């Protein structure tokens, strides 16, 4: 849990998160302007390539008294991926990988939420990529809650999920002369999420 998070000590630390609200029960939408959905994979067995999805939307219901009644749904525009390299991005959008023309969305729909510690939750649900659906479990940490200057109730979460892309039919690869493959089968998804409670 929380291995994706930065060390808790050092000169580059953020200020402490705000946890000012005792009850954040309610219906929320994902604030895309303050949310990051990222991914990373090994390239040529020597380095890590990182990217983000720029377009997505999501909703959540949070229930503090009964966390198991909470739920979340997320829809990602698969074609909005960006690794900072246009040729690579085009290849990732092609039929070799996500095939975004035929399968434009990646979705996650929760089926269960379990509170495992004061600020830690395991969210289980169905991920659909390239038309194939598999169940996964994502560990999330509640990073804070606050009333912002515009009157919005905000809640923040961080989470990460390691998955094997081949489980969703993303099997393209190329062998290296020195052994191994060009692109790792294991990919990590990273979530830094801010949600706003609806009136």
C-alpha atoms as a PDB file:
ATOM      1  CA  UNK A   1       0.000   0.000   0.000  1.00  0.00           C
ATOM      2  CA  UNK A   2       1.113   3.556  -0.812  1.00  0.00           C
ATOM      3  CA  UNK A   3       4.396   2.489  -2.427  1.00  0.00           C
ATOM      4  CA  UNK A   4       3.583   4.992  -5.175  1.00  0.00           C
ATOM      5  CA  UNK A   5       3.777   7.876  -2.726  1.00  0.00           C
ATOM      6  CA  UNK A   6       6.821  10.033  -2.191  1.00  0.00           C
ATOM      7  CA  UNK A   7       8.942   9.755   0.932  1.00  0.00           C
ATOM      8  CA  UNK A   8       7.429  11.532   3.922  1.00  0.00           C
ATOM      9  CA  UNK A   9      10.621  13.424   4.738  1.00  0.00           C
ATOM     10  CA  UNK A  10      12.839  15.788   2.800  1.00  0.00           C
ATOM     11  CA  UNK A  11      13.024  19.341   1.545  1.00  0.00           C
ATOM     12  CA  UNK A  12      10.584  18.733  -1.314  1.00  0.00           C
ATOM     13  CA  UNK A  13       7.686  17.578   0.859  1.00  0.00           C
ATOM     14  CA  UNK A  14       4.263  19.125   0.356  1.00  0.00           C
ATOM     15  CA  UNK A  15       2.483  20.917   3.164  1.00  0.00           C
ATOM     16  CA  UNK A  16       0.405  18.600   5.322  1.00  0.00           C
ATOM     17  CA  UNK A  17      -2.913  17.632   3.748  1.00  0.00           C
ATOM     18  CA  UNK A  18      -6.102  19.168   5.141  1.00  0.00           C
ATOM     19  CA  UNK A  19      -8.568  16.778   6.765  1.00  0.00           C
ATOM     20  CA  UNK A  20     -10.970  19.394   8.064  1.00  0.00           C
ATOM     21  CA  UNK A  21     -14.263  17.643   7.337  1.00  0.00           C
ATOM     22  CA  UNK A  22     -15.454  14.805   9.546  1.00  0.00           C
ATOM     23  CA  UNK A  23     -18.311  13.713   7.284  1.00  0.00           C
ATOM     24  CA  UNK A  24     -17.753  13.739   3.531  1.00  0.00           C
ATOM     25  CA  UNK A  25     -20.750  11.557   2.711  1.00  0.00           C
ATOM     26  CA  UNK A  26     -22.396  12.512  -0.574  1.00  0.00           C
ATOM     27  CA  UNK A  27     -22.321  12.355  -4.346  1.00  0.00           C
ATOM     28  CA  UNK A  28     -19.247  13.667  -6.153  1.00  0.00           C
ATOM     29  CA  UNK A  29     -17.857  14.322  -9.603  1.00  0.00           C
ATOM     30  CA  UNK A  30     -14.209  14.111 -10.549  1.00  0.00           C
ATOM     31  CA  UNK A  31     -12.574  17.520 -10.972  1.00  0.00           C
ATOM     32  CA  UNK A  32     -10.586  16.845 -14.134  1.00  0.00           C
ATOM     33  CA  UNK A  33      -8.643  20.114 -13.825  1.00  0.00           C
ATOM     34  CA  UNK A  34      -7.124  18.942 -10.539  1.00  0.00           C
ATOM     35  CA  UNK A  35      -6.883  15.214 -11.210  1.00  0.00           C
ATOM     36  CA  UNK A  36      -4.112  13.205 -12.839  1.00  0.00           C
ATOM     37  CA  UNK A  37      -4.512   9.726 -14.313  1.00  0.00           C
ATOM     38  CA  UNK A  38      -1.107   8.436 -15.297  1.00  0.00           C
ATOM     39  CA  UNK A  39       0.579   5.261 -16.458  1.00  0.00           C
ATOM     40  CA  UNK A  40       4.095   3.908 -16.686  1.00  0.00           C
ATOM     41  CA  UNK A  41       5.809   0.912 -18.245  1.00  0.00           C
ATOM     42  CA  UNK A  42       9.335  -0.363 -18.748  1.00  0.00           C
ATOM     43  CA  UNK A  43      10.921   0.277 -22.150  1.00  0.00           C
ATOM     44  CA  UNK A  44      13.702  -1.912 -23.578  1.00  0.00           C
ATOM     45  CA  UNK A  45      14.167  -3.337 -20.081  1.00  0.00           C
ATOM     46  CA  UNK A  46      16.284  -0.331 -19.071  1.00  0.00           C
ATOM     47  CA  UNK A  47      14.069   2.677 -18.408  1.00  0.00           C
ATOM     48  CA  UNK A  48      10.530   3.734 -17.522  1.00  0.00           C
ATOM     49  CA  UNK A  49       8.220   5.603 -19.899  1.00  0.00           C
ATOM     50  CA  UNK A  50       5.484   7.682 -18.254  1.00  0.00           C
ATOM     51  CA  UNK A  51       2.333   9.190 -19.656  1.00  0.00           C
ATOM     52  CA  UNK A  52      -1.076  10.577 -18.776  1.00  0.00           C
ATOM     53  CA  UNK A  53      -4.651  10.508 -20.023  1.00  0.00           C
ATOM     54  CA  UNK A  54      -5.850  14.053 -20.619  1.00  0.00           C
ATOM     55  CA  UNK A  55      -9.593  13.518 -20.977  1.00  0.00           C
ATOM     56  CA  UNK A  56     -11.782  11.618 -18.517  1.00  0.00           C
ATOM     57  CA  UNK A  57     -14.852  11.958 -16.325  1.00  0.00           C
ATOM     58  CA  UNK A  58     -16.042  10.193 -13.233  1.00  0.00           C
ATOM     59  CA  UNK A  59     -18.548  10.075 -10.406  1.00  0.00           C
ATOM     60  CA  UNK A  60     -18.437   8.733  -6.879  1.00  0.00           C
ATOM     61  CA  UNK A  61     -20.705   8.204  -3.921  1.00  0.00           C
ATOM     62  CA  UNK A  62     -18.927   8.353  -0.570  1.00  0.00           C
ATOM     63  CA  UNK A  63     -20.514   6.971   2.596  1.00  0.00           C
ATOM     64  CA  UNK A  64     -18.507   7.551   5.769  1.00  0.00           C
ATOM     65  CA  UNK A  65     -20.869   5.588   8.037  1.00  0.00           C
ATOM     66  CA  UNK A  66     -20.965   2.596   5.690  1.00  0.00           C
ATOM     67  CA  UNK A  67     -17.933   2.581   3.352  1.00  0.00           C
ATOM     68  CA  UNK A  68     -19.220  -0.573   1.646  1.00  0.00           C
ATOM     69  CA  UNK A  69     -22.083   1.543   0.274  1.00  0.00           C
ATOM     70  CA  UNK A  70     -19.589   3.786  -1.540  1.00  0.00           C
ATOM     71  CA  UNK A  71     -19.066   3.420  -5.276  1.00  0.00           C
ATOM     72  CA  UNK A  72     -17.124   4.954  -8.137  1.00  0.00           C
ATOM     73  CA  UNK A  73     -17.273   5.046 -11.914  1.00  0.00           C
ATOM     74  CA  UNK A  74     -14.585   6.365 -14.259  1.00  0.00           C
ATOM     75  CA  UNK A  75     -14.541   6.781 -18.044  1.00  0.00           C
ATOM     76  CA  UNK A  76     -11.259   7.601 -19.812  1.00  0.00           C
ATOM     77  CA  UNK A  77     -10.833   8.739 -23.407  1.00  0.00           C
ATOM     78  CA  UNK A  78      -8.215   6.205 -24.542  1.00  0.00           C
ATOM     79  CA  UNK A  79      -7.127   8.456 -27.398  1.00  0.00           C
ATOM     80  CA  UNK A  80      -6.179  11.249 -25.004  1.00  0.00           C
ATOM     81  CA  UNK A  81      -3.001   9.459 -23.864  1.00  0.00           C
ATOM     82  CA  UNK A  82       0.170  11.539 -23.947  1.00  0.00           C
ATOM     83  CA  UNK A  83       3.728  10.359 -23.348  1.00  0.00           C
ATOM     84  CA  UNK A  84       5.323  13.473 -24.806  1.00  0.00           C
ATOM     85  CA  UNK A  85       6.427  11.686 -28.001  1.00  0.00           C
ATOM     86  CA  UNK A  86       3.959  11.872 -30.930  1.00  0.00           C
ATOM     87  CA  UNK A  87       5.182   8.783 -32.816  1.00  0.00           C
ATOM     88  CA  UNK A  88       5.013   6.640 -29.680  1.00  0.00           C
ATOM     89  CA  UNK A  89       1.573   8.018 -28.827  1.00  0.00           C
ATOM     90  CA  UNK A  90       0.324   7.160 -32.323  1.00  0.00           C
ATOM     91  CA  UNK A  91       1.603   3.598 -31.921  1.00  0.00           C
ATOM     92  CA  UNK A  92      -0.103   3.255 -28.522  1.00  0.00           C
ATOM     93  CA  UNK A  93      -3.387   4.434 -30.076  1.00  0.00           C
ATOM     94  CA  UNK A  94      -3.083   1.940 -32.955  1.00  0.00           C
ATOM     95  CA  UNK A  95      -4.471  -1.602 -33.170  1.00  0.00           C
ATOM     96  CA  UNK A  96      -1.133  -2.901 -31.829  1.00  0.00           C
ATOM     97  CA  UNK A  97      -2.122  -1.509 -28.442  1.00  0.00           C
ATOM     98  CA  UNK A  98      -5.354   0.304 -27.461  1.00  0.00           C
ATOM     99  CA  UNK A  99      -6.990   0.434 -30.913  1.00  0.00           C
ATOM    100  CA  UNK A 100      -8.778   3.650 -29.972  1.00  0.00           C
ATOM    101  CA  UNK A 101     -10.769   3.891 -33.209  1.00  0.00           C
ATOM    102  CA  UNK A 102     -12.623   0.695 -32.342  1.00  0.00           C
ATOM    103  CA  UNK A 103     -12.422   0.983 -28.537  1.00  0.00           C
ATOM    104  CA  UNK A 104     -12.436   4.697 -27.655  1.00  0.00           C
ATOM    105  CA  UNK A 105     -12.978   4.321 -23.897  1.00  0.00           C
ATOM    106  CA  UNK A 106     -11.342   2.702 -20.898  1.00  0.00           C
ATOM    107  CA  UNK A 107     -13.799   2.288 -18.032  1.00  0.00           C
ATOM    108  CA  UNK A 108     -13.780   1.338 -14.368  1.00  0.00           C
ATOM    109  CA  UNK A 109     -16.948   0.513 -12.435  1.00  0.00           C
ATOM    110  CA  UNK A 110     -16.629  -0.435  -8.784  1.00  0.00           C
ATOM    111  CA  UNK A 111     -18.355  -3.490  -7.340  1.00  0.00           C
ATOM    112  CA  UNK A 112     -17.122  -3.264  -3.725  1.00  0.00           C
ATOM    113  CA  UNK A 113     -15.406  -0.806  -1.370  1.00  0.00           C
ATOM    114  CA  UNK A 114     -13.645  -1.915   1.810  1.00  0.00           C
ATOM    115  CA  UNK A 115     -12.100   0.336   4.447  1.00  0.00           C
ATOM    116  CA  UNK A 116      -8.836  -1.261   5.597  1.00  0.00           C
ATOM    117  CA  UNK A 117      -7.476   1.539   7.824  1.00  0.00           C
ATOM    118  CA  UNK A 118      -8.419   5.049   8.945  1.00  0.00           C
ATOM    119  CA  UNK A 119      -7.579   6.623   5.572  1.00  0.00           C
ATOM    120  CA  UNK A 120      -7.045   3.565   3.394  1.00  0.00           C
ATOM    121  CA  UNK A 121      -9.555   1.778   1.177  1.00  0.00           C
ATOM    122  CA  UNK A 122      -9.559  -1.098  -1.286  1.00  0.00           C
ATOM    123  CA  UNK A 123     -11.852  -0.526  -4.250  1.00  0.00           C
ATOM    124  CA  UNK A 124     -12.716  -3.598  -6.301  1.00  0.00           C
ATOM    125  CA  UNK A 125     -14.299  -3.265  -9.701  1.00  0.00           C
ATOM    126  CA  UNK A 126     -14.370  -4.072 -13.395  1.00  0.00           C
ATOM    127  CA  UNK A 127     -11.853  -2.512 -15.781  1.00  0.00           C
ATOM    128  CA  UNK A 128     -12.705  -2.606 -19.484  1.00  0.00           C
ATOM    129  CA  UNK A 129      -9.865  -2.068 -21.942  1.00  0.00           C
ATOM    130  CA  UNK A 130     -10.051  -2.837 -25.652  1.00  0.00           C
ATOM    131  CA  UNK A 131     -13.463  -4.432 -25.187  1.00  0.00           C
ATOM    132  CA  UNK A 132     -12.313  -6.904 -22.532  1.00  0.00           C
ATOM    133  CA  UNK A 133     -13.388  -6.692 -18.894  1.00  0.00           C
ATOM    134  CA  UNK A 134     -11.406  -7.954 -15.899  1.00  0.00           C
ATOM    135  CA  UNK A 135     -11.848  -7.489 -12.161  1.00  0.00           C
ATOM    136  CA  UNK A 136      -9.144  -5.583 -10.282  1.00  0.00           C
ATOM    137  CA  UNK A 137      -8.612  -4.178  -6.794  1.00  0.00           C
ATOM    138  CA  UNK A 138      -7.107  -0.717  -6.298  1.00  0.00           C
ATOM    139  CA  UNK A 139      -5.681   0.537  -3.001  1.00  0.00           C
ATOM    140  CA  UNK A 140      -6.553   4.181  -2.331  1.00  0.00           C
ATOM    141  CA  UNK A 141      -5.415   6.561   0.377  1.00  0.00           C
ATOM    142  CA  UNK A 142      -7.679   9.428   1.436  1.00  0.00           C
ATOM    143  CA  UNK A 143      -5.306  12.392   1.181  1.00  0.00           C
ATOM    144  CA  UNK A 144      -7.538  15.168   2.489  1.00  0.00           C
ATOM    145  CA  UNK A 145     -10.850  16.970   2.615  1.00  0.00           C
ATOM    146  CA  UNK A 146     -11.654  20.660   2.676  1.00  0.00           C
ATOM    147  CA  UNK A 147     -14.113  23.415   1.840  1.00  0.00           C
ATOM    148  CA  UNK A 148     -12.441  25.461  -0.901  1.00  0.00           C
ATOM    149  CA  UNK A 149     -12.717  29.264  -1.360  1.00  0.00           C
ATOM    150  CA  UNK A 150     -15.532  28.776  -3.891  1.00  0.00           C
ATOM    151  CA  UNK A 151     -17.746  26.874  -1.466  1.00  0.00           C
ATOM    152  CA  UNK A 152     -16.958  23.423  -2.879  1.00  0.00           C
ATOM    153  CA  UNK A 153     -16.520  20.411  -0.635  1.00  0.00           C
ATOM    154  CA  UNK A 154     -13.428  18.638  -1.950  1.00  0.00           C
ATOM    155  CA  UNK A 155     -11.992  15.222  -1.171  1.00  0.00           C
ATOM    156  CA  UNK A 156      -8.674  13.877  -2.444  1.00  0.00           C
ATOM    157  CA  UNK A 157      -7.445  10.343  -3.048  1.00  0.00           C
ATOM    158  CA  UNK A 158      -4.252   8.726  -4.306  1.00  0.00           C
ATOM    159  CA  UNK A 159      -4.010   5.204  -5.655  1.00  0.00           C
ATOM    160  CA  UNK A 160      -2.054   2.894  -7.913  1.00  0.00           C
ATOM    161  CA  UNK A 161      -2.742  -0.326  -9.759  1.00  0.00           C
ATOM    162  CA  UNK A 162      -0.275  -2.752 -11.359  1.00  0.00           C
ATOM    163  CA  UNK A 163      -1.767  -4.855 -14.143  1.00  0.00           C
ATOM    164  CA  UNK A 164      -0.645  -7.102 -16.981  1.00  0.00           C
ATOM    165  CA  UNK A 165      -1.684  -5.555 -20.279  1.00  0.00           C
ATOM    166  CA  UNK A 166      -1.807  -8.998 -21.904  1.00  0.00           C
ATOM    167  CA  UNK A 167      -4.825  -9.816 -19.712  1.00  0.00           C
ATOM    168  CA  UNK A 168      -6.731  -7.282 -21.837  1.00  0.00           C
ATOM    169  CA  UNK A 169      -5.364  -8.465 -25.169  1.00  0.00           C
ATOM    170  CA  UNK A 170      -2.557  -5.896 -25.487  1.00  0.00           C
ATOM    171  CA  UNK A 171       0.124  -8.366 -26.502  1.00  0.00           C
ATOM    172  CA  UNK A 172       2.232  -6.528 -29.130  1.00  0.00           C
ATOM    173  CA  UNK A 173       5.960  -6.661 -28.433  1.00  0.00           C
ATOM    174  CA  UNK A 174       9.379  -6.935 -30.021  1.00  0.00           C
ATOM    175  CA  UNK A 175      12.254  -9.117 -28.844  1.00  0.00           C
ATOM    176  CA  UNK A 176      15.590  -7.561 -27.925  1.00  0.00           C
ATOM    177  CA  UNK A 177      18.840  -9.049 -29.244  1.00  0.00           C
ATOM    178  CA  UNK A 178      20.205  -9.096 -25.710  1.00  0.00           C
ATOM    179  CA  UNK A 179      17.132 -10.846 -24.320  1.00  0.00           C
ATOM    180  CA  UNK A 180      13.860  -9.581 -23.002  1.00  0.00           C
ATOM    181  CA  UNK A 181      11.283  -7.474 -24.808  1.00  0.00           C
ATOM    182  CA  UNK A 182      10.797  -3.875 -25.872  1.00  0.00           C
ATOM    183  CA  UNK A 183       7.719  -3.127 -23.728  1.00  0.00           C
ATOM    184  CA  UNK A 184       6.969  -4.625 -20.330  1.00  0.00           C
ATOM    185  CA  UNK A 185       3.793  -6.640 -19.914  1.00  0.00           C
ATOM    186  CA  UNK A 186       3.271  -5.082 -16.493  1.00  0.00           C
ATOM    187  CA  UNK A 187       1.917  -1.515 -16.536  1.00  0.00           C
ATOM    188  CA  UNK A 188       1.181   0.686 -13.559  1.00  0.00           C
ATOM    189  CA  UNK A 189      -1.782   3.062 -13.473  1.00  0.00           C
ATOM    190  CA  UNK A 190      -1.579   6.018 -11.087  1.00  0.00           C
ATOM    191  CA  UNK A 191      -4.460   8.083  -9.718  1.00  0.00           C
ATOM    192  CA  UNK A 192      -4.242  11.509  -8.052  1.00  0.00           C
ATOM    193  CA  UNK A 193      -7.895  12.413  -7.741  1.00  0.00           C
ATOM    194  CA  UNK A 194      -9.833  15.444  -6.539  1.00  0.00           C
ATOM    195  CA  UNK A 195     -13.610  15.139  -6.356  1.00  0.00           C
ATOM    196  CA  UNK A 196     -16.251  17.828  -5.705  1.00  0.00           C
ATOM    197  CA  UNK A 197     -19.474  17.169  -3.828  1.00  0.00           C
ATOM    198  CA  UNK A 198     -22.643  17.892  -5.758  1.00  0.00           C
ATOM    199  CA  UNK A 199     -25.331  20.136  -4.306  1.00  0.00           C
END
